[in-house]
Protein backbone atom coordinates (compact mmCIF):
# COMPACT_ATOMS: atom_id res chain seq x y z
CA UNK A 1 -8.29 54.47 127.25
CA UNK A 2 -8.82 50.89 128.45
CA UNK A 3 -7.20 51.71 131.81
CA UNK A 4 -9.40 54.77 132.24
CA UNK A 5 -12.52 52.76 131.35
CA UNK A 6 -11.56 50.15 133.92
CA UNK A 7 -11.00 52.84 136.52
CA UNK A 8 -14.39 54.38 135.77
CA UNK A 9 -16.05 51.01 136.16
CA UNK A 10 -14.28 50.32 139.45
CA UNK A 11 -15.38 53.67 140.91
CA UNK A 12 -18.96 53.25 139.68
CA UNK A 13 -21.27 52.96 142.74
CA UNK A 14 -23.00 50.01 141.06
CA UNK A 15 -19.67 48.16 140.78
CA UNK A 16 -18.86 48.89 144.44
CA UNK A 17 -22.35 47.75 145.43
CA UNK A 18 -21.91 44.50 143.50
CA UNK A 19 -18.63 43.74 145.25
CA UNK A 20 -20.09 44.50 148.71
CA UNK A 21 -23.07 42.20 148.14
CA UNK A 22 -20.86 39.37 146.90
CA UNK A 23 -18.47 39.76 149.83
CA UNK A 24 -21.38 39.76 152.30
CA UNK A 25 -22.91 36.62 150.76
CA UNK A 26 -19.56 34.81 150.61
CA UNK A 27 -18.73 35.72 154.19
CA UNK A 28 -22.13 34.56 155.39
CA UNK A 29 -21.79 31.22 153.60
CA UNK A 30 -18.30 30.62 155.00
CA UNK A 31 -19.31 31.60 158.54
CA UNK A 32 -22.43 29.40 158.40
CA UNK A 33 -20.50 26.37 157.18
CA UNK A 34 -17.79 26.75 159.77
CA UNK A 35 -20.07 27.44 162.75
CA UNK A 36 -21.84 24.81 164.79
CA UNK A 37 -24.74 27.24 165.03
CA UNK A 38 -25.75 29.44 162.09
CA UNK A 39 -26.58 32.23 164.54
CA UNK A 40 -22.92 33.27 164.33
CA UNK A 41 -23.99 35.45 161.37
CA UNK A 42 -26.40 37.32 163.59
CA UNK A 43 -24.04 40.16 164.37
CA UNK A 44 -21.15 39.12 162.19
CA UNK A 45 -19.27 41.25 159.71
CA UNK A 46 -21.21 39.92 156.67
CA UNK A 47 -24.32 41.73 157.90
CA UNK A 48 -22.32 44.94 158.31
CA UNK A 49 -21.03 44.58 154.76
CA UNK A 50 -24.60 43.93 153.60
CA UNK A 51 -25.72 47.17 155.26
CA UNK A 52 -22.91 49.03 153.48
CA UNK A 53 -24.04 47.46 150.22
CA UNK A 54 -27.59 48.66 150.78
CA UNK A 55 -26.34 52.22 151.35
CA UNK A 56 -24.14 52.28 148.25
CA UNK A 57 -26.96 50.65 146.28
CA UNK A 58 -29.27 53.51 147.32
CA UNK A 59 -26.67 56.02 146.13
CA UNK A 60 -26.25 54.12 142.85
CA UNK A 61 -30.00 54.02 142.26
CA UNK A 62 -30.35 57.74 142.97
CA UNK A 63 -27.57 58.50 140.50
CA UNK A 64 -29.03 56.21 137.84
CA UNK A 65 -32.57 57.54 138.20
CA UNK A 66 -31.93 61.28 138.47
CA UNK A 67 -28.48 62.05 136.99
CA UNK A 68 -28.11 63.11 133.39
CA UNK A 69 -29.59 66.58 133.25
CA UNK A 70 -32.79 65.53 131.55
CA UNK A 71 -35.02 67.09 134.20
CA UNK A 72 -36.87 63.91 134.98
CA UNK A 73 -36.53 60.32 136.13
CA UNK A 74 -34.76 57.59 134.14
CA UNK A 75 -36.90 54.53 134.82
CA UNK A 76 -35.79 52.09 132.16
CA UNK A 77 -35.59 48.30 132.49
CA UNK A 78 -32.30 47.85 134.37
CA UNK A 79 -32.95 50.85 136.64
CA UNK A 80 -36.43 49.56 137.52
CA UNK A 81 -35.04 46.09 138.29
CA UNK A 82 -32.31 47.54 140.48
CA UNK A 83 -34.83 49.67 142.38
CA UNK A 84 -37.26 46.77 142.84
CA UNK A 85 -34.50 44.49 144.17
CA UNK A 86 -33.22 47.18 146.55
CA UNK A 87 -36.74 47.82 147.87
CA UNK A 88 -37.19 44.06 148.21
CA UNK A 89 -34.03 43.75 150.30
CA UNK A 90 -34.95 46.68 152.53
CA UNK A 91 -38.54 45.48 152.98
CA UNK A 92 -37.49 41.90 153.70
CA UNK A 93 -35.16 43.03 156.46
CA UNK A 94 -37.26 45.83 157.99
CA UNK A 95 -40.71 44.25 157.73
CA UNK A 96 -39.48 40.96 159.11
CA UNK A 97 -37.56 42.77 161.87
CA UNK A 98 -35.80 39.52 162.70
CA UNK A 99 -32.07 38.82 162.52
CA UNK A 100 -32.86 35.31 161.23
CA UNK A 101 -34.49 36.79 158.15
CA UNK A 102 -31.58 39.20 157.79
CA UNK A 103 -29.27 36.17 157.71
CA UNK A 104 -31.37 34.68 154.91
CA UNK A 105 -31.18 37.95 152.99
CA UNK A 106 -27.39 37.95 153.36
CA UNK A 107 -27.08 34.35 152.20
CA UNK A 108 -29.57 34.20 149.35
CA UNK A 109 -30.77 37.66 148.31
CA UNK A 110 -27.42 39.48 148.29
CA UNK A 111 -26.19 37.61 145.15
CA UNK A 112 -29.43 38.53 143.34
CA UNK A 113 -28.99 42.15 144.43
CA UNK A 114 -25.41 42.05 143.12
CA UNK A 115 -26.70 40.94 139.72
CA UNK A 116 -29.33 43.70 139.71
CA UNK A 117 -26.76 46.39 140.60
CA UNK A 118 -24.30 45.20 137.94
CA UNK A 119 -27.10 45.14 135.33
CA UNK A 120 -27.23 48.95 135.38
CA UNK A 121 -23.59 48.98 134.17
CA UNK A 122 -23.78 46.44 131.33
CA UNK A 123 -27.40 47.10 130.35
CA UNK A 124 -27.94 50.89 130.72
CA UNK A 125 -31.45 52.31 130.36
CA UNK A 126 -32.58 55.64 128.94
CA UNK A 127 -36.32 56.05 129.45
CA UNK A 128 -36.84 59.58 130.77
CA UNK A 129 -40.10 60.81 132.26
CA UNK A 130 -40.41 64.52 133.01
CA UNK A 131 -41.74 66.27 136.10
CA UNK A 132 -44.22 68.62 134.49
CA UNK A 133 -48.00 68.18 134.34
CA UNK A 134 -49.22 64.70 133.50
CA UNK A 135 -45.66 63.40 133.29
CA UNK A 136 -45.10 64.07 137.00
CA UNK A 137 -48.28 62.17 137.87
CA UNK A 138 -47.19 59.38 135.53
CA UNK A 139 -43.84 59.17 137.34
CA UNK A 140 -45.74 58.84 140.64
CA UNK A 141 -47.85 56.09 139.05
CA UNK A 142 -44.68 54.18 138.15
CA UNK A 143 -43.18 54.63 141.63
CA UNK A 144 -46.33 53.25 143.29
CA UNK A 145 -46.29 50.33 140.83
CA UNK A 146 -42.66 49.55 141.67
CA UNK A 147 -43.44 49.64 145.40
CA UNK A 148 -46.30 47.19 144.80
CA UNK A 149 -44.00 44.87 142.83
CA UNK A 150 -41.32 45.04 145.52
CA UNK A 151 -43.74 44.21 148.35
CA UNK A 152 -45.29 41.40 146.32
CA UNK A 153 -41.75 40.08 145.71
CA UNK A 154 -41.09 40.00 149.45
CA UNK A 155 -44.40 38.18 150.01
CA UNK A 156 -43.42 35.68 147.30
CA UNK A 157 -40.08 35.10 149.04
CA UNK A 158 -41.96 34.34 152.25
CA UNK A 159 -44.17 31.96 150.26
CA UNK A 160 -41.13 30.10 148.93
CA UNK A 161 -39.73 29.88 152.46
CA UNK A 162 -43.05 28.49 153.76
CA UNK A 163 -43.14 25.92 150.95
CA UNK A 164 -39.56 24.85 151.71
CA UNK A 165 -40.22 24.49 155.44
CA UNK A 166 -43.43 22.52 154.78
CA UNK A 167 -41.51 20.04 152.64
CA UNK A 168 -38.76 19.72 155.23
CA UNK A 169 -41.31 19.09 157.98
CA UNK A 170 -43.15 16.42 155.98
CA UNK A 171 -39.87 14.71 155.15
CA UNK A 172 -38.74 14.90 158.79
CA UNK A 173 -35.59 16.58 157.59
CA UNK A 174 -35.36 19.64 159.83
CA UNK A 175 -31.77 20.61 160.51
CA UNK A 176 -30.18 23.21 162.75
CA UNK A 177 -30.47 25.92 160.09
CA UNK A 178 -34.23 25.31 159.69
CA UNK A 179 -34.81 25.29 163.46
CA UNK A 180 -33.06 28.64 163.59
CA UNK A 181 -35.74 30.24 161.38
CA UNK A 182 -38.83 32.11 162.66
CA UNK A 183 -41.95 29.98 163.30
CA UNK A 184 -44.05 29.12 160.25
CA UNK A 185 -47.08 30.95 161.61
CA UNK A 186 -45.09 34.17 161.97
CA UNK A 187 -43.70 33.90 158.44
CA UNK A 188 -47.20 33.29 157.08
CA UNK A 189 -48.62 36.25 159.02
CA UNK A 190 -45.90 38.51 157.59
CA UNK A 191 -46.66 37.23 154.10
CA UNK A 192 -50.34 38.18 154.34
CA UNK A 193 -49.55 41.58 155.83
CA UNK A 194 -47.34 42.29 152.84
CA UNK A 195 -49.97 40.96 150.43
CA UNK A 196 -52.65 43.32 151.79
CA UNK A 197 -50.38 46.34 151.31
CA UNK A 198 -49.25 45.14 147.87
CA UNK A 199 -52.88 44.62 146.84
CA UNK A 200 -53.81 48.16 147.87
CA UNK A 201 -50.86 49.59 145.91
CA UNK A 202 -51.59 47.38 142.91
CA UNK A 203 -55.21 48.56 142.94
CA UNK A 204 -54.06 52.19 143.00
CA UNK A 205 -51.65 51.44 140.16
CA UNK A 206 -54.36 49.91 138.00
CA UNK A 207 -56.83 52.74 138.64
CA UNK A 208 -54.24 55.39 137.83
CA UNK A 209 -53.21 53.32 134.81
CA UNK A 210 -56.75 53.64 133.45
CA UNK A 211 -56.45 57.43 133.74
CA UNK A 212 -53.13 57.56 131.91
CA UNK A 213 -54.33 55.17 129.23
CA UNK A 214 -57.24 57.52 128.57
CA UNK A 215 -54.92 60.52 128.56
CA UNK A 216 -52.20 59.05 126.34
CA UNK A 217 -54.08 56.69 124.05
CA UNK A 218 -57.69 57.90 124.20
CA UNK A 219 -58.81 54.57 125.63
CA UNK A 220 -59.46 53.74 129.29
CA UNK A 221 -58.41 50.16 128.82
CA UNK A 222 -55.65 48.95 126.51
CA UNK A 223 -55.82 45.21 125.78
CA UNK A 224 -52.19 44.18 125.63
CA UNK A 225 -49.74 41.78 127.26
CA UNK A 226 -49.04 44.03 130.24
CA UNK A 227 -52.69 44.84 130.97
CA UNK A 228 -53.91 41.24 130.70
CA UNK A 229 -51.31 39.85 133.09
CA UNK A 230 -51.75 42.77 135.51
CA UNK A 231 -55.51 42.20 135.70
CA UNK A 232 -55.03 38.44 136.11
CA UNK A 233 -52.54 39.03 138.91
CA UNK A 234 -54.92 41.48 140.60
CA UNK A 235 -57.78 38.93 140.49
CA UNK A 236 -55.56 36.14 141.81
CA UNK A 237 -54.30 38.28 144.70
CA UNK A 238 -57.79 39.60 145.43
CA UNK A 239 -59.17 36.05 145.38
CA UNK A 240 -56.45 34.88 147.76
CA UNK A 241 -57.12 37.68 150.24
CA UNK A 242 -60.87 37.10 150.02
CA UNK A 243 -60.29 33.41 150.67
CA UNK A 244 -58.10 34.27 153.63
CA UNK A 245 -60.70 36.67 155.06
CA UNK A 246 -63.74 34.46 154.47
CA UNK A 247 -62.44 30.90 154.75
CA UNK A 248 -59.11 31.33 156.54
CA UNK A 249 -56.97 30.06 153.65
CA UNK A 250 -53.41 29.30 154.66
CA UNK A 251 -50.57 26.85 154.12
CA UNK A 252 -49.86 25.39 150.69
CA UNK A 253 -53.06 26.75 149.16
CA UNK A 254 -52.11 30.31 150.07
CA UNK A 255 -48.55 29.75 148.89
CA UNK A 256 -49.68 28.48 145.48
CA UNK A 257 -52.02 31.44 144.92
CA UNK A 258 -49.29 33.87 146.02
CA UNK A 259 -46.73 32.44 143.62
CA UNK A 260 -49.16 32.23 140.70
CA UNK A 261 -50.11 35.89 141.16
CA UNK A 262 -46.46 36.86 141.49
CA UNK A 263 -45.48 35.14 138.25
CA UNK A 264 -48.31 36.91 136.43
CA UNK A 265 -47.24 40.27 137.83
CA UNK A 266 -43.65 39.54 136.90
CA UNK A 267 -44.68 38.81 133.32
CA UNK A 268 -46.84 41.93 133.14
CA UNK A 269 -44.13 44.44 134.06
CA UNK A 270 -40.65 42.95 133.91
CA UNK A 271 -41.49 40.76 130.94
CA UNK A 272 -43.01 43.57 128.88
CA UNK A 273 -40.21 46.04 129.67
CA UNK A 274 -37.55 43.44 128.84
CA UNK A 275 -39.13 42.62 125.49
CA UNK A 276 -39.68 46.28 124.54
CA UNK A 277 -36.37 47.76 125.71
CA UNK A 278 -33.88 44.89 125.41
CA UNK A 279 -35.19 42.72 122.58
CA UNK A 280 -37.13 45.19 120.41
CA UNK A 281 -35.00 48.21 121.41
CA UNK A 282 -38.06 50.39 122.02
CA UNK A 283 -38.91 52.69 124.95
């Protein structure tokens, strides 16, 4: 029985995905340390392994979300985290459209993606939402919300990168790996492009959330942990974008606002789902 369980785990697409991500990250680290120029990872085998991991991760997510014969979508805590991380990886690579950012994803994001994929195995979720009537619209509401969270996560990653590069520049400690990154202005421009899209999706999520709150609870606005942090995050992001549009906010000020809004959004969704499903064992 133990051997069969081990075999099932080893053939699980989430397990395979975890291994691929870890191999890609390890290979990238080794190649970067051995090379005189970090650009060796540009077309190296770690990036190919990362691409394979992204494909198997997509298969694993599809199986986790739609398999089970319940006639709906299983969007519990671990499944939502896995989907958000996968979307983050894809967005980071495709939106940036720069092999230097792909190298960063291989080095730093692949281990996080490995943890997210493995979480589906050791922390399974069973929160089914059907496809009929209001439930189908509610499922769409959740998908849009997850897309908003994923894009905001990518923007937050760009913000962290900007903050790191600013500190390195001020300290006069720019090495070969930092010089090999895209220019700060380009990273900042990408961050704001992502923030505008995330803000639009977050706005749509909140408006549709009012509709479902009215439908399910008879109230258009539920004052709870999730709602309060979502609204705070929306105001912070909206304030940042208004400041950018009106006063040209950029640099550390923009980074701080981005990260504050991201933490609030993280607490609103991931925090509430973790407490309800993992700690309180509710759905």
